[in-house]
């Protein structure tokens, strides 16, 4: 009887191991746990690594909201009448938020501890900012300019405008900083190209195809030396070699692939598909979609708490398409909301 009992014990042991493996399967782990409405015409979230707080920009209310990272409820707000905030970035070093407004052409710096605001203007008209990125190692802030075809450079310690890197390409929408090598990767949406910029001089080092149409945002994977490019019209993420620009893979996502972010600790790529109304989770090694979340609104931008792996997505309202015979927009029940995805 003992050999039979041993066999049964071994079988049960193997079953428990198998069940445990399923329970912690990282491919099935991501969960959409909450969607919370807030503000109006919201755009972008950022995470404060100091305390885990989440901030979002709300152009419709002229506010930056501070959210509880677990409940997504607003616990504080900052009025920004100088600039209805669209793009939003944060300097972790100086604990400063930066907002952009493409209509007024301003960047507003907000000191988090005091709420003090500093209005920053460029050196010329027509250089309205869109997206903010911060080089923490050099205390520099970069803001992309679609019509200005370049990048603002701001001193993060003094909040002074320093210079403008122009003539980079047509419609510079998004950018990402390789801090180690002091290189900026920018999306030239009008040229369907990635522009590689020297962070010190602002000179264009090279350009290569995005391998997609209307590339809008880009993320650099430092460890893998890869670029993840969100292409709205071709509805995909293209994964490129950051040195050569060679296409590694084009990953079909959904309509209006717009926001892209990467969690290197968990090797996950997150994509906000604005017109597809979905968020994709992509495995960073296989480059396969492992989960898709239906949002019920238009996902716009993705922020990640890299300590917890929590993912925050801002979701916009549907708007009428351009054109005389454009159809009425399909209602978005979860418009003007923030989603929380747990790893």
Protein backbone atom coordinates (compact mmCIF):
# COMPACT_ATOMS: atom_id res chain seq x y z
CA UNK A 1 0.00 0.00 0.00
CA UNK A 2 2.81 2.39 0.68
CA UNK A 3 3.96 2.68 -2.95
CA UNK A 4 0.37 3.48 -3.99
CA UNK A 5 0.08 6.09 -1.24
CA UNK A 6 3.37 7.58 -2.30
CA UNK A 7 2.16 7.73 -5.89
CA UNK A 8 -1.05 9.48 -4.78
CA UNK A 9 0.96 11.91 -2.67
CA UNK A 10 3.24 12.65 -5.58
CA UNK A 11 0.25 13.17 -7.87
CA UNK A 12 -1.40 15.60 -5.45
CA UNK A 13 1.91 17.40 -4.97
CA UNK A 14 2.27 17.87 -8.72
CA UNK A 15 -1.33 19.08 -8.95
CA UNK A 16 -0.77 21.66 -6.21
CA UNK A 17 2.37 22.92 -7.97
CA UNK A 18 0.44 23.15 -11.25
CA UNK A 19 -2.42 25.04 -9.61
CA UNK A 20 0.04 27.38 -7.91
CA UNK A 21 1.68 28.06 -11.26
CA UNK A 22 -1.69 28.93 -12.77
CA UNK A 23 -2.55 31.18 -9.83
CA UNK A 24 0.54 33.31 -10.31
CA UNK A 25 0.64 33.12 -14.11
CA UNK A 26 1.86 36.60 -15.10
CA UNK A 27 0.03 36.37 -18.41
CA UNK A 28 -3.30 36.37 -16.60
CA UNK A 29 -2.39 38.65 -13.73
CA UNK A 30 -3.34 42.09 -15.05
CA UNK A 31 -6.74 43.20 -13.76
CA UNK A 32 -8.82 46.28 -14.46
CA UNK A 33 -9.93 47.00 -10.90
CA UNK A 34 -11.46 50.46 -11.09
CA UNK A 35 -12.68 53.27 -13.36
CA UNK A 36 -13.42 56.59 -11.68
CA UNK A 37 -14.88 59.70 -13.29
CA UNK A 38 -13.22 63.03 -12.58
CA UNK A 39 -12.85 66.49 -14.08
CA UNK A 40 -13.63 67.35 -17.69
CA UNK A 41 -11.60 67.01 -20.85
CA UNK A 42 -8.84 65.21 -18.95
CA UNK A 43 -5.58 64.42 -20.69
CA UNK A 44 -2.62 62.97 -18.88
CA UNK A 45 -1.68 61.18 -15.61
CA UNK A 46 1.67 61.18 -13.82
CA UNK A 47 2.82 59.34 -10.69
CA UNK A 48 4.76 61.03 -7.91
CA UNK A 49 7.37 58.46 -6.88
CA UNK A 50 7.81 60.18 -3.52
CA UNK A 51 4.40 59.17 -2.14
CA UNK A 52 2.67 57.28 -4.96
CA UNK A 53 0.11 60.03 -5.55
CA UNK A 54 -1.42 60.33 -9.01
CA UNK A 55 -1.96 63.68 -10.73
CA UNK A 56 -4.10 64.29 -13.81
CA UNK A 57 -4.56 67.33 -16.03
CA UNK A 58 -8.10 68.56 -16.69
CA UNK A 59 -8.33 71.20 -19.41
CA UNK A 60 -12.10 71.42 -19.04
CA UNK A 61 -11.91 72.61 -15.43
CA UNK A 62 -8.54 74.42 -15.52
CA UNK A 63 -7.38 72.04 -12.81
CA UNK A 64 -4.65 69.59 -11.95
CA UNK A 65 -6.17 66.96 -9.64
CA UNK A 66 -4.31 64.93 -7.05
CA UNK A 67 -5.84 61.46 -6.75
CA UNK A 68 -5.66 58.80 -4.10
CA UNK A 69 -3.75 56.03 -5.93
CA UNK A 70 -6.07 53.27 -4.65
CA UNK A 71 -9.54 54.85 -4.80
CA UNK A 72 -8.84 57.34 -7.65
CA UNK A 73 -10.83 59.91 -5.70
CA UNK A 74 -9.60 63.52 -5.83
CA UNK A 75 -7.95 64.50 -2.57
CA UNK A 76 -6.69 67.89 -3.73
CA UNK A 77 -6.73 70.19 -6.75
CA UNK A 78 -4.66 73.03 -8.16
CA UNK A 79 -6.37 75.76 -10.16
CA UNK A 80 -4.43 76.80 -13.27
CA UNK A 81 -6.37 79.66 -14.90
CA UNK A 82 -3.17 80.73 -16.68
CA UNK A 83 -3.28 77.59 -18.83
CA UNK A 84 -5.99 74.96 -19.17
CA UNK A 85 -3.66 71.99 -18.55
CA UNK A 86 -3.24 69.34 -21.23
CA UNK A 87 0.18 67.68 -21.15
CA UNK A 88 1.49 66.89 -17.67
CA UNK A 89 4.94 65.95 -16.43
CA UNK A 90 6.76 65.78 -13.12
CA UNK A 91 10.28 66.40 -11.88
CA UNK A 92 10.83 63.87 -9.12
CA UNK A 93 14.01 65.71 -8.06
CA UNK A 94 12.43 69.13 -7.52
CA UNK A 95 8.86 67.92 -6.83
CA UNK A 96 7.47 70.15 -9.56
CA UNK A 97 4.57 69.49 -11.92
CA UNK A 98 4.65 70.92 -15.45
CA UNK A 99 1.55 71.48 -17.55
CA UNK A 100 1.24 72.44 -21.20
CA UNK A 101 -1.49 74.19 -23.13
CA UNK A 102 -1.42 74.18 -26.92
CA UNK A 103 -3.96 77.03 -27.10
CA UNK A 104 -2.14 79.54 -24.92
CA UNK A 105 1.36 78.32 -25.74
CA UNK A 106 2.43 78.20 -22.09
CA UNK A 107 4.12 75.81 -19.72
CA UNK A 108 3.13 76.23 -16.07
CA UNK A 109 5.41 74.90 -13.32
CA UNK A 110 3.65 73.99 -10.06
CA UNK A 111 5.68 73.49 -6.89
CA UNK A 112 3.98 70.49 -5.24
CA UNK A 113 4.71 71.33 -1.57
CA UNK A 114 3.55 74.96 -1.80
CA UNK A 115 1.30 75.10 -4.87
CA UNK A 116 3.28 78.08 -6.17
CA UNK A 117 2.95 78.48 -9.95
CA UNK A 118 5.47 79.83 -12.43
CA UNK A 119 4.38 80.67 -15.98
CA UNK A 120 7.01 79.81 -18.60
CA UNK A 121 6.97 81.24 -22.12
CA UNK A 122 9.02 80.24 -25.15
CA UNK A 123 11.32 82.62 -27.01
CA UNK A 124 8.99 82.99 -30.01
CA UNK A 125 5.36 82.64 -31.05
CA UNK A 126 4.04 79.50 -32.70
CA UNK A 127 5.88 77.10 -30.43
CA UNK A 128 2.96 75.85 -28.35
CA UNK A 129 3.94 72.83 -26.22
CA UNK A 130 2.27 69.40 -26.19
CA UNK A 131 4.07 66.77 -24.10
CA UNK A 132 6.44 67.08 -21.13
CA UNK A 133 9.42 64.86 -20.35
CA UNK A 134 11.99 65.41 -17.59
CA UNK A 135 15.67 64.49 -17.64
CA UNK A 136 16.18 63.89 -13.92
CA UNK A 137 19.94 63.36 -14.19
CA UNK A 138 20.46 66.81 -15.71
CA UNK A 139 17.44 68.65 -14.21
CA UNK A 140 16.12 69.58 -17.63
CA UNK A 141 12.53 69.67 -18.87
CA UNK A 142 11.67 69.06 -22.52
CA UNK A 143 8.34 69.99 -24.10
CA UNK A 144 7.45 68.89 -27.61
CA UNK A 145 6.03 71.46 -30.03
CA UNK A 146 3.90 70.25 -32.93
CA UNK A 147 3.72 73.48 -34.94
CA UNK A 148 7.12 74.65 -33.80
CA UNK A 149 8.68 71.42 -35.12
CA UNK A 150 10.91 71.05 -32.11
CA UNK A 151 11.49 70.92 -28.37
CA UNK A 152 11.50 73.44 -25.55
CA UNK A 153 14.34 73.12 -23.05
CA UNK A 154 13.61 74.35 -19.50
CA UNK A 155 15.84 74.47 -16.42
CA UNK A 156 14.07 72.32 -13.78
CA UNK A 157 15.83 74.10 -10.90
CA UNK A 158 14.96 77.67 -11.90
CA UNK A 159 11.95 77.02 -14.20
CA UNK A 160 13.52 79.29 -16.79
CA UNK A 161 13.16 78.73 -20.52
CA UNK A 162 16.66 77.99 -21.84
CA UNK A 163 16.43 77.37 -25.58
CA UNK A 164 14.48 75.78 -28.41
CA UNK A 165 15.65 72.87 -30.52
CA UNK A 166 13.97 73.59 -33.87
CA UNK A 167 13.77 72.15 -37.38
CA UNK A 168 13.58 68.59 -36.09
CA UNK A 169 10.75 67.44 -38.34
CA UNK A 170 7.09 67.98 -39.19
CA UNK A 171 4.69 67.80 -36.24
CA UNK A 172 6.88 66.81 -33.28
CA UNK A 173 4.26 65.22 -31.05
CA UNK A 174 5.97 62.88 -28.58
CA UNK A 175 9.47 62.28 -27.26
CA UNK A 176 11.41 60.19 -24.78
CA UNK A 177 14.81 60.69 -23.15
CA UNK A 178 17.66 58.20 -23.01
CA UNK A 179 19.26 59.82 -19.96
CA UNK A 180 22.34 57.59 -19.94
CA UNK A 181 23.39 58.64 -23.44
CA UNK A 182 21.74 62.09 -23.40
CA UNK A 183 19.71 61.31 -26.50
CA UNK A 184 16.12 62.31 -27.20
CA UNK A 185 13.89 60.22 -29.46
CA UNK A 186 11.05 62.28 -30.97
CA UNK A 187 8.11 61.36 -33.18
CA UNK A 188 7.77 63.46 -36.32
CA UNK A 189 4.14 62.58 -36.99
CA UNK A 190 4.01 64.56 -40.23
CA UNK A 191 6.97 62.67 -41.66
CA UNK A 192 6.20 59.22 -40.23
CA UNK A 193 9.70 59.26 -38.77
CA UNK A 194 11.63 58.94 -35.52
CA UNK A 195 14.11 61.77 -34.99
CA UNK A 196 17.20 61.11 -32.87
CA UNK A 197 18.39 64.33 -31.19
CA UNK A 198 21.59 65.14 -29.30
CA UNK A 199 20.45 66.36 -25.88
CA UNK A 200 23.36 68.77 -25.49
CA UNK A 201 23.34 70.50 -28.87
CA UNK A 202 19.85 69.85 -30.22
CA UNK A 203 21.36 68.59 -33.47
CA UNK A 204 19.64 65.80 -35.36
CA UNK A 205 21.89 62.74 -35.22
CA UNK A 206 19.76 60.61 -37.51
CA UNK A 207 16.23 59.92 -38.67
CA UNK A 208 14.59 56.62 -39.50
CA UNK A 209 11.12 55.41 -40.49
CA UNK A 210 8.60 54.75 -37.73
CA UNK A 211 7.33 51.81 -39.84
CA UNK A 212 3.82 53.09 -39.15
CA UNK A 213 1.62 56.05 -40.04
CA UNK A 214 1.07 59.03 -37.75
CA UNK A 215 3.53 58.00 -35.04
CA UNK A 216 2.41 60.02 -32.04
CA UNK A 217 4.24 58.81 -28.94
CA UNK A 218 7.40 56.84 -28.27
CA UNK A 219 8.97 55.03 -25.31
CA UNK A 220 12.60 53.96 -24.99
CA UNK A 221 13.48 50.62 -23.37
CA UNK A 222 16.97 51.26 -21.98
CA UNK A 223 17.84 47.64 -21.18
CA UNK A 224 16.75 46.23 -24.53
CA UNK A 225 17.73 49.35 -26.51
CA UNK A 226 14.33 49.30 -28.17
CA UNK A 227 11.76 51.91 -29.10
CA UNK A 228 8.02 51.34 -28.76
CA UNK A 229 6.19 53.62 -31.19
CA UNK A 230 2.42 54.21 -31.11
CA UNK A 231 1.06 54.72 -34.64
CA UNK A 232 -2.49 56.05 -34.83
CA UNK A 233 -3.37 55.43 -38.48
CA UNK A 234 -1.80 51.99 -38.89
CA UNK A 235 -3.29 51.04 -35.50
CA UNK A 236 -0.20 49.35 -34.15
CA UNK A 237 2.90 49.50 -32.00
CA UNK A 238 6.15 49.22 -33.92
CA UNK A 239 9.14 47.92 -31.99
CA UNK A 240 12.39 49.32 -33.36
CA UNK A 241 16.09 48.89 -32.70
CA UNK A 242 16.97 52.22 -31.08
CA UNK A 243 20.39 52.36 -32.73
CA UNK A 244 19.64 51.36 -36.29
CA UNK A 245 15.91 51.96 -36.53
CA UNK A 246 15.41 48.43 -37.84
CA UNK A 247 11.91 47.04 -37.39
CA UNK A 248 11.82 44.26 -34.81
CA UNK A 249 8.05 43.74 -34.93
CA UNK A 250 4.81 45.52 -35.75
CA UNK A 251 2.12 44.62 -33.21
CA UNK A 252 -1.51 45.21 -34.29
CA UNK A 253 -3.43 46.88 -31.45
CA UNK A 254 -6.63 48.81 -32.20
CA UNK A 255 -7.82 52.05 -33.77
CA UNK A 256 -5.95 55.15 -32.74
CA UNK A 257 -2.98 53.64 -30.89
CA UNK A 258 -1.89 56.71 -28.97
CA UNK A 259 -0.41 56.30 -25.48
CA UNK A 260 2.43 53.85 -24.82
CA UNK A 261 4.38 53.07 -21.66
CA UNK A 262 6.69 50.29 -20.47
CA UNK A 263 7.21 48.59 -17.11
CA UNK A 264 10.74 47.13 -17.26
CA UNK A 265 10.47 45.40 -13.88
CA UNK A 266 7.56 43.29 -15.07
CA UNK A 267 8.40 43.44 -18.79
CA UNK A 268 5.01 44.76 -19.83
CA UNK A 269 4.08 47.27 -22.54
CA UNK A 270 0.79 49.16 -22.12
CA UNK A 271 -1.00 50.77 -25.06
CA UNK A 272 -3.96 53.17 -24.98
CA UNK A 273 -6.04 52.83 -28.16
CA UNK A 274 -8.05 56.00 -28.25
CA UNK A 275 -10.57 55.21 -30.98
CA UNK A 276 -10.52 51.49 -30.30
CA UNK A 277 -11.59 52.27 -26.70
CA UNK A 278 -9.25 49.61 -25.37
CA UNK A 279 -6.00 49.18 -23.46
CA UNK A 280 -3.60 46.42 -24.52
CA UNK A 281 -1.09 44.66 -22.31
CA UNK A 282 1.86 43.29 -24.30
CA UNK A 283 4.54 40.91 -23.08
CA UNK A 284 7.88 42.63 -23.55
CA UNK A 285 9.76 39.45 -24.48
CA UNK A 286 7.38 37.64 -26.84
CA UNK A 287 5.88 40.95 -28.07
CA UNK A 288 2.47 39.33 -28.04
CA UNK A 289 -0.75 40.87 -26.67
CA UNK A 290 -1.63 39.00 -23.49
CA UNK A 291 -4.68 41.00 -22.41
CA UNK A 292 -7.07 43.62 -23.76
CA UNK A 293 -9.35 45.75 -21.59
CA UNK A 294 -12.55 47.31 -22.92
CA UNK A 295 -12.76 50.78 -21.36
CA UNK A 296 -16.03 52.35 -22.52
CA UNK A 297 -14.27 55.62 -23.31
CA UNK A 298 -11.29 56.86 -25.32
CA UNK A 299 -8.04 55.89 -23.54
CA UNK A 300 -5.45 58.60 -23.99
CA UNK A 301 -2.29 58.33 -21.88
CA UNK A 302 -0.68 55.72 -19.61
CA UNK A 303 1.31 56.27 -16.40
CA UNK A 304 2.96 53.53 -14.30
CA UNK A 305 3.93 53.36 -10.65
CA UNK A 306 7.17 51.43 -11.08
CA UNK A 307 7.30 50.42 -7.42
CA UNK A 308 3.89 48.74 -7.35
CA UNK A 309 3.32 48.10 -11.06
CA UNK A 310 -0.05 49.87 -10.87
CA UNK A 311 -1.09 51.41 -14.19
CA UNK A 312 -3.20 54.55 -14.59
CA UNK A 313 -4.95 55.48 -17.84
CA UNK A 314 -6.84 58.68 -18.61
CA UNK A 315 -9.99 58.21 -20.72
CA UNK A 316 -11.51 60.97 -22.84
CA UNK A 317 -14.92 61.79 -24.25
CA UNK A 318 -15.83 60.89 -27.83
CA UNK A 319 -15.93 63.89 -30.17
CA UNK A 320 -17.42 64.38 -33.60
CA UNK A 321 -15.04 63.57 -36.43
CA UNK A 322 -14.12 66.32 -38.85
CA UNK A 323 -15.97 66.61 -42.12
CA UNK A 324 -19.38 67.75 -43.27
CA UNK A 325 -20.86 64.25 -43.29
CA UNK A 326 -19.08 62.97 -40.20
CA UNK A 327 -21.28 60.67 -38.10
CA UNK A 328 -22.35 61.51 -34.59
CA UNK A 329 -19.93 60.13 -32.00
CA UNK A 330 -20.84 56.95 -30.16
CA UNK A 331 -21.44 57.81 -26.49
CA UNK A 332 -18.64 56.94 -24.09
CA UNK A 333 -20.15 56.00 -20.70
CA UNK A 334 -16.78 56.14 -18.93
CA UNK A 335 -15.67 59.43 -20.46
CA UNK A 336 -13.49 61.78 -18.39
CA UNK A 337 -12.32 58.99 -16.14
CA UNK A 338 -9.17 57.31 -14.88
CA UNK A 339 -8.65 53.55 -15.00
CA UNK A 340 -6.54 51.55 -12.56
CA UNK A 341 -4.97 48.32 -13.81
CA UNK A 342 -3.24 46.07 -11.28
CA UNK A 343 -0.29 43.92 -12.37
